[in-house]
PDB file of N, CA and C in Angstrom:
ATOM      1  N   MET A   1     -33.162  36.370 -60.015  1.00  0.00           N
ATOM      2  CA  MET A   1     -31.899  37.006 -60.332  1.00  0.00           C
ATOM      3  C   MET A   1     -32.090  38.521 -60.239  1.00  0.00           C
ATOM      4  N   GLY A   2     -31.919  39.253 -61.320  1.00  0.00           N
ATOM      5  CA  GLY A   2     -32.183  40.680 -61.329  1.00  0.00           C
ATOM      6  C   GLY A   2     -31.159  41.494 -60.576  1.00  0.00           C
ATOM      7  N   SER A   3     -31.661  42.554 -59.930  1.00  0.00           N
ATOM      8  CA  SER A   3     -30.740  43.503 -59.303  1.00  0.00           C
ATOM      9  C   SER A   3     -29.983  42.907 -58.123  1.00  0.00           C
ATOM     10  N   ASN A   4     -30.563  41.928 -57.434  1.00  0.00           N
ATOM     11  CA  ASN A   4     -29.826  41.308 -56.322  1.00  0.00           C
ATOM     12  C   ASN A   4     -28.538  40.669 -56.817  1.00  0.00           C
ATOM     13  N   LEU A   5     -28.612  39.964 -57.933  1.00  0.00           N
ATOM     14  CA  LEU A   5     -27.413  39.347 -58.495  1.00  0.00           C
ATOM     15  C   LEU A   5     -26.405  40.426 -58.881  1.00  0.00           C
ATOM     16  N   SER A   6     -26.883  41.513 -59.482  1.00  0.00           N
ATOM     17  CA  SER A   6     -25.991  42.602 -59.881  1.00  0.00           C
ATOM     18  C   SER A   6     -25.236  43.150 -58.680  1.00  0.00           C
ATOM     19  N   TYR A   7     -25.955  43.435 -57.597  1.00  0.00           N
ATOM     20  CA  TYR A   7     -25.300  43.972 -56.406  1.00  0.00           C
ATOM     21  C   TYR A   7     -24.349  42.965 -55.776  1.00  0.00           C
ATOM     22  N   ASP A   8     -24.745  41.692 -55.778  1.00  0.00           N
ATOM     23  CA  ASP A   8     -23.860  40.659 -55.234  1.00  0.00           C
ATOM     24  C   ASP A   8     -22.577  40.558 -56.053  1.00  0.00           C
ATOM     25  N   LEU A   9     -22.706  40.573 -57.372  1.00  0.00           N
ATOM     26  CA  LEU A   9     -21.523  40.506 -58.233  1.00  0.00           C
ATOM     27  C   LEU A   9     -20.636  41.736 -58.046  1.00  0.00           C
ATOM     28  N   ALA A  10     -21.255  42.909 -58.005  1.00  0.00           N
ATOM     29  CA  ALA A  10     -20.495  44.157 -57.901  1.00  0.00           C
ATOM     30  C   ALA A  10     -19.769  44.289 -56.571  1.00  0.00           C
ATOM     31  N   SER A  11     -20.239  43.571 -55.549  1.00  0.00           N
ATOM     32  CA  SER A  11     -19.567  43.648 -54.256  1.00  0.00           C
ATOM     33  C   SER A  11     -18.244  42.892 -54.276  1.00  0.00           C
ATOM     34  N   GLY A  12     -17.949  42.240 -55.399  1.00  0.00           N
ATOM     35  CA  GLY A  12     -16.641  41.625 -55.600  1.00  0.00           C
ATOM     36  C   GLY A  12     -16.445  40.302 -54.908  1.00  0.00           C
ATOM     37  N   PRO A  13     -17.241  39.299 -55.244  1.00  0.00           N
ATOM     38  CA  PRO A  13     -17.020  37.983 -54.635  1.00  0.00           C
ATOM     39  C   PRO A  13     -15.569  37.539 -54.832  1.00  0.00           C
ATOM     40  N   ALA A  14     -15.025  36.954 -53.829  1.00  0.00           N
ATOM     41  CA  ALA A  14     -13.618  36.542 -53.864  1.00  0.00           C
ATOM     42  C   ALA A  14     -13.325  35.676 -55.078  1.00  0.00           C
ATOM     43  N   GLY A  15     -12.286  36.046 -55.784  1.00  0.00           N
ATOM     44  CA  GLY A  15     -11.813  35.226 -56.881  1.00  0.00           C
ATOM     45  C   GLY A  15     -12.509  35.449 -58.213  1.00  0.00           C
ATOM     46  N   ILE A  16     -13.479  36.364 -58.272  1.00  0.00           N
ATOM     47  CA  ILE A  16     -14.159  36.615 -59.552  1.00  0.00           C
ATOM     48  C   ILE A  16     -13.692  37.966 -60.081  1.00  0.00           C
ATOM     49  N   SER A  17     -13.042  37.933 -61.233  1.00  0.00           N
ATOM     50  CA  SER A  17     -12.519  39.162 -61.828  1.00  0.00           C
ATOM     51  C   SER A  17     -13.660  40.046 -62.304  1.00  0.00           C
ATOM     52  N   LEU A  18     -13.361  41.316 -62.516  1.00  0.00           N
ATOM     53  CA  LEU A  18     -14.360  42.234 -63.039  1.00  0.00           C
ATOM     54  C   LEU A  18     -14.894  41.737 -64.381  1.00  0.00           C
ATOM     55  N   GLU A  19     -14.009  41.232 -65.221  1.00  0.00           N
ATOM     56  CA  GLU A  19     -14.434  40.709 -66.518  1.00  0.00           C
ATOM     57  C   GLU A  19     -15.454  39.589 -66.355  1.00  0.00           C
ATOM     58  N   ASN A  20     -15.192  38.680 -65.431  1.00  0.00           N
ATOM     59  CA  ASN A  20     -16.124  37.563 -65.204  1.00  0.00           C
ATOM     60  C   ASN A  20     -17.419  38.030 -64.555  1.00  0.00           C
ATOM     61  N   GLN A  21     -17.336  39.011 -63.666  1.00  0.00           N
ATOM     62  CA  GLN A  21     -18.548  39.568 -63.063  1.00  0.00           C
ATOM     63  C   GLN A  21     -19.465  40.126 -64.145  1.00  0.00           C
ATOM     64  N   ILE A  22     -18.884  40.901 -65.074  1.00  0.00           N
ATOM     65  CA  ILE A  22     -19.686  41.501 -66.139  1.00  0.00           C
ATOM     66  C   ILE A  22     -20.198  40.430 -67.093  1.00  0.00           C
ATOM     67  N   ALA A  23     -19.380  39.437 -67.386  1.00  0.00           N
ATOM     68  CA  ALA A  23     -19.836  38.347 -68.259  1.00  0.00           C
ATOM     69  C   ALA A  23     -21.047  37.646 -67.649  1.00  0.00           C
ATOM     70  N   ILE A  24     -21.010  37.377 -66.362  1.00  0.00           N
ATOM     71  CA  ILE A  24     -22.146  36.743 -65.686  1.00  0.00           C
ATOM     72  C   ILE A  24     -23.362  37.655 -65.758  1.00  0.00           C
ATOM     73  N   GLN A  25     -23.148  38.939 -65.506  1.00  0.00           N
ATOM     74  CA  GLN A  25     -24.240  39.916 -65.575  1.00  0.00           C
ATOM     75  C   GLN A  25     -24.900  39.911 -66.959  1.00  0.00           C
ATOM     76  N   LEU A  26     -24.093  39.951 -67.993  1.00  0.00           N
ATOM     77  CA  LEU A  26     -24.627  40.034 -69.357  1.00  0.00           C
ATOM     78  C   LEU A  26     -25.338  38.758 -69.784  1.00  0.00           C
ATOM     79  N   ARG A  27     -24.847  37.626 -69.337  1.00  0.00           N
ATOM     80  CA  ARG A  27     -25.420  36.345 -69.764  1.00  0.00           C
ATOM     81  C   ARG A  27     -26.574  35.883 -68.874  1.00  0.00           C
ATOM     82  N   SER A  28     -26.570  36.279 -67.600  1.00  0.00           N
ATOM     83  CA  SER A  28     -27.565  35.766 -66.663  1.00  0.00           C
ATOM     84  C   SER A  28     -28.684  36.744 -66.339  1.00  0.00           C
ATOM     85  N   ASN A  29     -28.432  38.031 -66.485  1.00  0.00           N
ATOM     86  CA  ASN A  29     -29.418  39.031 -66.084  1.00  0.00           C
ATOM     87  C   ASN A  29     -30.120  39.693 -67.259  1.00  0.00           C
ATOM     88  N   HIS A  30     -29.976  39.141 -68.450  1.00  0.00           N
ATOM     89  CA  HIS A  30     -30.617  39.700 -69.634  1.00  0.00           C
ATOM     90  C   HIS A  30     -31.214  38.584 -70.477  1.00  0.00           C
ATOM     91  N   TYR A  31     -32.372  38.887 -71.064  1.00  0.00           N
ATOM     92  CA  TYR A  31     -32.962  37.951 -72.004  1.00  0.00           C
ATOM     93  C   TYR A  31     -33.388  38.733 -73.231  1.00  0.00           C
ATOM     94  N   PRO A  32     -32.891  38.385 -74.379  1.00  0.00           N
ATOM     95  CA  PRO A  32     -31.883  37.336 -74.572  1.00  0.00           C
ATOM     96  C   PRO A  32     -30.539  37.779 -74.007  1.00  0.00           C
ATOM     97  N   PRO A  33     -29.656  36.834 -73.738  1.00  0.00           N
ATOM     98  CA  PRO A  33     -28.343  37.182 -73.186  1.00  0.00           C
ATOM     99  C   PRO A  33     -27.584  38.133 -74.115  1.00  0.00           C
ATOM    100  N   VAL A  34     -26.845  39.034 -73.502  1.00  0.00           N
ATOM    101  CA  VAL A  34     -26.028  39.996 -74.252  1.00  0.00           C
ATOM    102  C   VAL A  34     -24.740  39.284 -74.682  1.00  0.00           C
ATOM    103  N   PRO A  35     -24.279  39.520 -75.923  1.00  0.00           N
ATOM    104  CA  PRO A  35     -23.044  38.875 -76.383  1.00  0.00           C
ATOM    105  C   PRO A  35     -21.843  39.218 -75.491  1.00  0.00           C
ATOM    106  N   LEU A  36     -20.984  38.243 -75.287  1.00  0.00           N
ATOM    107  CA  LEU A  36     -19.798  38.456 -74.466  1.00  0.00           C
ATOM    108  C   LEU A  36     -18.849  39.501 -75.058  1.00  0.00           C
ATOM    109  N   SER A  37     -19.003  39.799 -76.328  1.00  0.00           N
ATOM    110  CA  SER A  37     -18.167  40.840 -76.933  1.00  0.00           C
ATOM    111  C   SER A  37     -18.445  42.207 -76.318  1.00  0.00           C
ATOM    112  N   MET A  38     -19.520  42.326 -75.527  1.00  0.00           N
ATOM    113  CA  MET A  38     -19.837  43.587 -74.864  1.00  0.00           C
ATOM    114  C   MET A  38     -19.171  43.740 -73.499  1.00  0.00           C
ATOM    115  N   VAL A  39     -18.443  42.735 -73.044  1.00  0.00           N
ATOM    116  CA  VAL A  39     -17.794  42.830 -71.732  1.00  0.00           C
ATOM    117  C   VAL A  39     -16.854  44.032 -71.676  1.00  0.00           C
ATOM    118  N   GLU A  40     -15.958  44.159 -72.640  1.00  0.00           N
ATOM    119  CA  GLU A  40     -14.981  45.251 -72.607  1.00  0.00           C
ATOM    120  C   GLU A  40     -15.645  46.623 -72.717  1.00  0.00           C
ATOM    121  N   PRO A  41     -16.599  46.823 -73.625  1.00  0.00           N
ATOM    122  CA  PRO A  41     -17.281  48.124 -73.641  1.00  0.00           C
ATOM    123  C   PRO A  41     -18.004  48.430 -72.326  1.00  0.00           C
ATOM    124  N   CYS A  42     -18.557  47.409 -71.691  1.00  0.00           N
ATOM    125  CA  CYS A  42     -19.206  47.630 -70.394  1.00  0.00           C
ATOM    126  C   CYS A  42     -18.195  48.072 -69.344  1.00  0.00           C
ATOM    127  N   ILE A  43     -17.030  47.454 -69.329  1.00  0.00           N
ATOM    128  CA  ILE A  43     -15.987  47.849 -68.372  1.00  0.00           C
ATOM    129  C   ILE A  43     -15.529  49.277 -68.649  1.00  0.00           C
ATOM    130  N   GLU A  44     -15.378  49.635 -69.931  1.00  0.00           N
ATOM    131  CA  GLU A  44     -15.008  51.006 -70.277  1.00  0.00           C
ATOM    132  C   GLU A  44     -16.079  51.984 -69.822  1.00  0.00           C
ATOM    133  N   ALA A  45     -17.352  51.615 -69.961  1.00  0.00           N
ATOM    134  CA  ALA A  45     -18.448  52.473 -69.524  1.00  0.00           C
ATOM    135  C   ALA A  45     -18.444  52.627 -68.001  1.00  0.00           C
ATOM    136  N   ILE A  46     -18.153  51.553 -67.282  1.00  0.00           N
ATOM    137  CA  ILE A  46     -18.064  51.632 -65.815  1.00  0.00           C
ATOM    138  C   ILE A  46     -16.954  52.603 -65.422  1.00  0.00           C
ATOM    139  N   LYS A  47     -15.794  52.495 -66.063  1.00  0.00           N
ATOM    140  CA  LYS A  47     -14.684  53.405 -65.761  1.00  0.00           C
ATOM    141  C   LYS A  47     -15.074  54.846 -66.042  1.00  0.00           C
ATOM    142  N   ALA A  48     -15.750  55.083 -67.159  1.00  0.00           N
ATOM    143  CA  ALA A  48     -16.200  56.436 -67.487  1.00  0.00           C
ATOM    144  C   ALA A  48     -17.193  56.935 -66.442  1.00  0.00           C
ATOM    145  N   GLY A  49     -18.095  56.069 -66.017  1.00  0.00           N
ATOM    146  CA  GLY A  49     -19.070  56.441 -65.002  1.00  0.00           C
ATOM    147  C   GLY A  49     -18.429  56.782 -63.675  1.00  0.00           C
ATOM    148  N   ARG A  50     -17.429  56.021 -63.285  1.00  0.00           N
ATOM    149  CA  ARG A  50     -16.713  56.312 -62.030  1.00  0.00           C
ATOM    150  C   ARG A  50     -15.989  57.650 -62.104  1.00  0.00           C
ATOM    151  N   GLU A  51     -15.634  58.062 -63.325  1.00  0.00           N
ATOM    152  CA  GLU A  51     -14.987  59.370 -63.528  1.00  0.00           C
ATOM    153  C   GLU A  51     -16.017  60.457 -63.825  1.00  0.00           C
ATOM    154  N   GLU A  52     -17.302  60.090 -63.721  1.00  0.00           N
ATOM    155  CA  GLU A  52     -18.420  60.989 -63.985  1.00  0.00           C
ATOM    156  C   GLU A  52     -18.375  61.582 -65.386  1.00  0.00           C
ATOM    157  N   ASP A  53     -17.876  60.800 -66.332  1.00  0.00           N
ATOM    158  CA  ASP A  53     -17.806  61.188 -67.743  1.00  0.00           C
ATOM    159  C   ASP A  53     -18.833  60.354 -68.505  1.00  0.00           C
ATOM    160  N   TYR A  54     -20.103  60.607 -68.211  1.00  0.00           N
ATOM    161  CA  TYR A  54     -21.185  59.779 -68.729  1.00  0.00           C
ATOM    162  C   TYR A  54     -21.418  59.940 -70.227  1.00  0.00           C
ATOM    163  N   ASP A  55     -20.914  61.018 -70.809  1.00  0.00           N
ATOM    164  CA  ASP A  55     -21.096  61.238 -72.243  1.00  0.00           C
ATOM    165  C   ASP A  55     -19.939  60.691 -73.074  1.00  0.00           C
ATOM    166  N   ARG A  56     -18.943  60.102 -72.428  1.00  0.00           N
ATOM    167  CA  ARG A  56     -17.808  59.536 -73.163  1.00  0.00           C
ATOM    168  C   ARG A  56     -18.313  58.485 -74.149  1.00  0.00           C
ATOM    169  N   LEU A  57     -17.863  58.588 -75.389  1.00  0.00           N
ATOM    170  CA  LEU A  57     -18.254  57.607 -76.394  1.00  0.00           C
ATOM    171  C   LEU A  57     -17.387  56.361 -76.274  1.00  0.00           C
ATOM    172  N   ILE A  58     -18.047  55.225 -76.246  1.00  0.00           N
ATOM    173  CA  ILE A  58     -17.397  53.922 -76.123  1.00  0.00           C
ATOM    174  C   ILE A  58     -17.611  53.190 -77.443  1.00  0.00           C
ATOM    175  N   ASP A  59     -16.514  52.744 -78.050  1.00  0.00           N
ATOM    176  CA  ASP A  59     -16.622  51.973 -79.294  1.00  0.00           C
ATOM    177  C   ASP A  59     -17.285  50.632 -79.021  1.00  0.00           C
ATOM    178  N   LEU A  60     -18.153  50.244 -79.932  1.00  0.00           N
ATOM    179  CA  LEU A  60     -18.861  48.975 -79.810  1.00  0.00           C
ATOM    180  C   LEU A  60     -18.206  47.918 -80.691  1.00  0.00           C
ATOM    181  N   PRO A  61     -18.343  46.650 -80.305  1.00  0.00           N
ATOM    182  CA  PRO A  61     -17.765  45.564 -81.105  1.00  0.00           C
ATOM    183  C   PRO A  61     -18.417  45.494 -82.493  1.00  0.00           C
ATOM    184  N   GLU A  62     -17.707  44.896 -83.406  1.00  0.00           N
ATOM    185  CA  GLU A  62     -18.215  44.715 -84.756  1.00  0.00           C
ATOM    186  C   GLU A  62     -19.552  43.975 -84.709  1.00  0.00           C
ATOM    187  N   GLY A  63     -20.503  44.474 -85.471  1.00  0.00           N
ATOM    188  CA  GLY A  63     -21.813  43.847 -85.531  1.00  0.00           C
ATOM    189  C   GLY A  63     -22.802  44.359 -84.502  1.00  0.00           C
ATOM    190  N   ILE A  64     -22.369  45.231 -83.611  1.00  0.00           N
ATOM    191  CA  ILE A  64     -23.252  45.801 -82.591  1.00  0.00           C
ATOM    192  C   ILE A  64     -23.306  47.311 -82.810  1.00  0.00           C
ATOM    193  N   SER A  65     -24.518  47.845 -82.761  1.00  0.00           N
ATOM    194  CA  SER A  65     -24.665  49.290 -82.942  1.00  0.00           C
ATOM    195  C   SER A  65     -25.624  49.852 -81.910  1.00  0.00           C
ATOM    196  N   TRP A  66     -25.559  51.157 -81.739  1.00  0.00           N
ATOM    197  CA  TRP A  66     -26.469  51.880 -80.855  1.00  0.00           C
ATOM    198  C   TRP A  66     -27.065  53.012 -81.674  1.00  0.00           C
ATOM    199  N   ARG A  67     -28.354  52.940 -81.901  1.00  0.00           N
ATOM    200  CA  ARG A  67     -29.045  53.940 -82.722  1.00  0.00           C
ATOM    201  C   ARG A  67     -28.363  54.140 -84.067  1.00  0.00           C
ATOM    202  N   GLY A  68     -27.899  53.027 -84.645  1.00  0.00           N
ATOM    203  CA  GLY A  68     -27.263  53.045 -85.948  1.00  0.00           C
ATOM    204  C   GLY A  68     -25.811  53.482 -85.951  1.00  0.00           C
ATOM    205  N   LYS A  69     -25.226  53.678 -84.779  1.00  0.00           N
ATOM    206  CA  LYS A  69     -23.837  54.144 -84.677  1.00  0.00           C
ATOM    207  C   LYS A  69     -22.951  53.053 -84.084  1.00  0.00           C
ATOM    208  N   THR A  70     -21.652  53.180 -84.353  1.00  0.00           N
ATOM    209  CA  THR A  70     -20.692  52.174 -83.873  1.00  0.00           C
ATOM    210  C   THR A  70     -20.095  52.528 -82.519  1.00  0.00           C
ATOM    211  N   ALA A  71     -20.602  53.586 -81.896  1.00  0.00           N
ATOM    212  CA  ALA A  71     -20.173  53.974 -80.550  1.00  0.00           C
ATOM    213  C   ALA A  71     -21.410  54.422 -79.783  1.00  0.00           C
ATOM    214  N   ALA A  72     -21.351  54.299 -78.463  1.00  0.00           N
ATOM    215  CA  ALA A  72     -22.467  54.703 -77.609  1.00  0.00           C
ATOM    216  C   ALA A  72     -21.916  55.472 -76.418  1.00  0.00           C
ATOM    217  N   PRO A  73     -22.687  56.419 -75.893  1.00  0.00           N
ATOM    218  CA  PRO A  73     -22.241  57.111 -74.687  1.00  0.00           C
ATOM    219  C   PRO A  73     -22.249  56.154 -73.494  1.00  0.00           C
ATOM    220  N   ALA A  74     -21.344  56.403 -72.581  1.00  0.00           N
ATOM    221  CA  ALA A  74     -21.224  55.537 -71.409  1.00  0.00           C
ATOM    222  C   ALA A  74     -22.558  55.376 -70.687  1.00  0.00           C
ATOM    223  N   HIS A  75     -23.324  56.462 -70.551  1.00  0.00           N
ATOM    224  CA  HIS A  75     -24.588  56.368 -69.818  1.00  0.00           C
ATOM    225  C   HIS A  75     -25.553  55.383 -70.475  1.00  0.00           C
ATOM    226  N   ALA A  76     -25.549  55.298 -71.794  1.00  0.00           N
ATOM    227  CA  ALA A  76     -26.449  54.370 -72.485  1.00  0.00           C
ATOM    228  C   ALA A  76     -26.046  52.920 -72.220  1.00  0.00           C
ATOM    229  N   ILE A  77     -24.749  52.668 -72.184  1.00  0.00           N
ATOM    230  CA  ILE A  77     -24.268  51.310 -71.907  1.00  0.00           C
ATOM    231  C   ILE A  77     -24.556  50.941 -70.452  1.00  0.00           C
ATOM    232  N   ILE A  78     -24.313  51.877 -69.545  1.00  0.00           N
ATOM    233  CA  ILE A  78     -24.560  51.628 -68.120  1.00  0.00           C
ATOM    234  C   ILE A  78     -26.040  51.334 -67.885  1.00  0.00           C
ATOM    235  N   GLU A  79     -26.900  52.176 -68.436  1.00  0.00           N
ATOM    236  CA  GLU A  79     -28.339  51.982 -68.239  1.00  0.00           C
ATOM    237  C   GLU A  79     -28.843  50.721 -68.936  1.00  0.00           C
ATOM    238  N   GLY A  80     -28.423  50.515 -70.173  1.00  0.00           N
ATOM    239  CA  GLY A  80     -28.923  49.393 -70.950  1.00  0.00           C
ATOM    240  C   GLY A  80     -28.490  48.035 -70.442  1.00  0.00           C
ATOM    241  N   HIS A  81     -27.368  48.002 -69.723  1.00  0.00           N
ATOM    242  CA  HIS A  81     -26.845  46.727 -69.245  1.00  0.00           C
ATOM    243  C   HIS A  81     -26.894  46.613 -67.721  1.00  0.00           C
ATOM    244  N   HIS A  82     -27.610  47.551 -67.091  1.00  0.00           N
ATOM    245  CA  HIS A  82     -27.840  47.528 -65.645  1.00  0.00           C
ATOM    246  C   HIS A  82     -26.528  47.457 -64.857  1.00  0.00           C
ATOM    247  N   LEU A  83     -25.622  48.391 -65.149  1.00  0.00           N
ATOM    248  CA  LEU A  83     -24.291  48.372 -64.544  1.00  0.00           C
ATOM    249  C   LEU A  83     -24.153  49.326 -63.359  1.00  0.00           C
ATOM    250  N   GLY A  84     -25.232  49.940 -62.941  1.00  0.00           N
ATOM    251  CA  GLY A  84     -25.193  50.887 -61.833  1.00  0.00           C
ATOM    252  C   GLY A  84     -24.488  50.384 -60.582  1.00  0.00           C
ATOM    253  N   PRO A  85     -24.722  49.131 -60.175  1.00  0.00           N
ATOM    254  CA  PRO A  85     -24.058  48.650 -58.954  1.00  0.00           C
ATOM    255  C   PRO A  85     -22.529  48.731 -59.019  1.00  0.00           C
ATOM    256  N   TRP A  86     -21.949  48.642 -60.206  1.00  0.00           N
ATOM    257  CA  TRP A  86     -20.488  48.706 -60.324  1.00  0.00           C
ATOM    258  C   TRP A  86     -19.963  50.131 -60.184  1.00  0.00           C
ATOM    259  N   LEU A  87     -20.846  51.113 -60.296  1.00  0.00           N
ATOM    260  CA  LEU A  87     -20.420  52.497 -60.086  1.00  0.00           C
ATOM    261  C   LEU A  87     -20.271  52.792 -58.600  1.00  0.00           C
ATOM    262  N   GLU A  88     -20.929  51.988 -57.782  1.00  0.00           N
ATOM    263  CA  GLU A  88     -20.919  52.205 -56.343  1.00  0.00           C
ATOM    264  C   GLU A  88     -19.797  51.464 -55.632  1.00  0.00           C
ATOM    265  N   THR A  89     -19.002  50.704 -56.371  1.00  0.00           N
ATOM    266  CA  THR A  89     -17.915  49.930 -55.769  1.00  0.00           C
ATOM    267  C   THR A  89     -16.589  50.401 -56.307  1.00  0.00           C
ATOM    268  N   GLU A  90     -15.562  50.171 -55.556  1.00  0.00           N
ATOM    269  CA  GLU A  90     -14.204  50.521 -55.997  1.00  0.00           C
ATOM    270  C   GLU A  90     -13.642  49.361 -56.802  1.00  0.00           C
ATOM    271  N   GLU A  91     -12.959  49.707 -57.869  1.00  0.00           N
ATOM    272  CA  GLU A  91     -12.356  48.674 -58.722  1.00  0.00           C
ATOM    273  C   GLU A  91     -11.118  48.116 -58.043  1.00  0.00           C
ATOM    274  N   GLU A  92     -11.036  46.807 -58.004  1.00  0.00           N
ATOM    275  CA  GLU A  92      -9.843  46.159 -57.465  1.00  0.00           C
ATOM    276  C   GLU A  92      -8.982  45.680 -58.611  1.00  0.00           C
ATOM    277  N   GLU A  93      -7.729  46.071 -58.587  1.00  0.00           N
ATOM    278  CA  GLU A  93      -6.815  45.657 -59.636  1.00  0.00           C
ATOM    279  C   GLU A  93      -6.361  44.229 -59.362  1.00  0.00           C
ATOM    280  N   ALA A  94      -6.394  43.410 -60.376  1.00  0.00           N
ATOM    281  CA  ALA A  94      -5.988  42.012 -60.219  1.00  0.00           C
ATOM    282  C   ALA A  94      -4.499  41.862 -60.524  1.00  0.00           C
TER     283      ALA A  94
END
């Protein structure tokens, strides 16, 4: 799996929404799997990254923290969840 799966998902396979792409990424490319409650923060981080606003604070779901805080900068979410391939693709609106 690894980065090949990430790039394949980010290239936008037909019929797979961005939400489902990220859900697959979080559950299949991480051990232990990342909770699905992180899908929305990951999408927000991708949007911030595409706008080159890497320091934008993204609220985290209840029960998840970053360095003891309830929000994390977009760059930390992008790096921690290996979301770089989604910065290189254009978002398709469903």
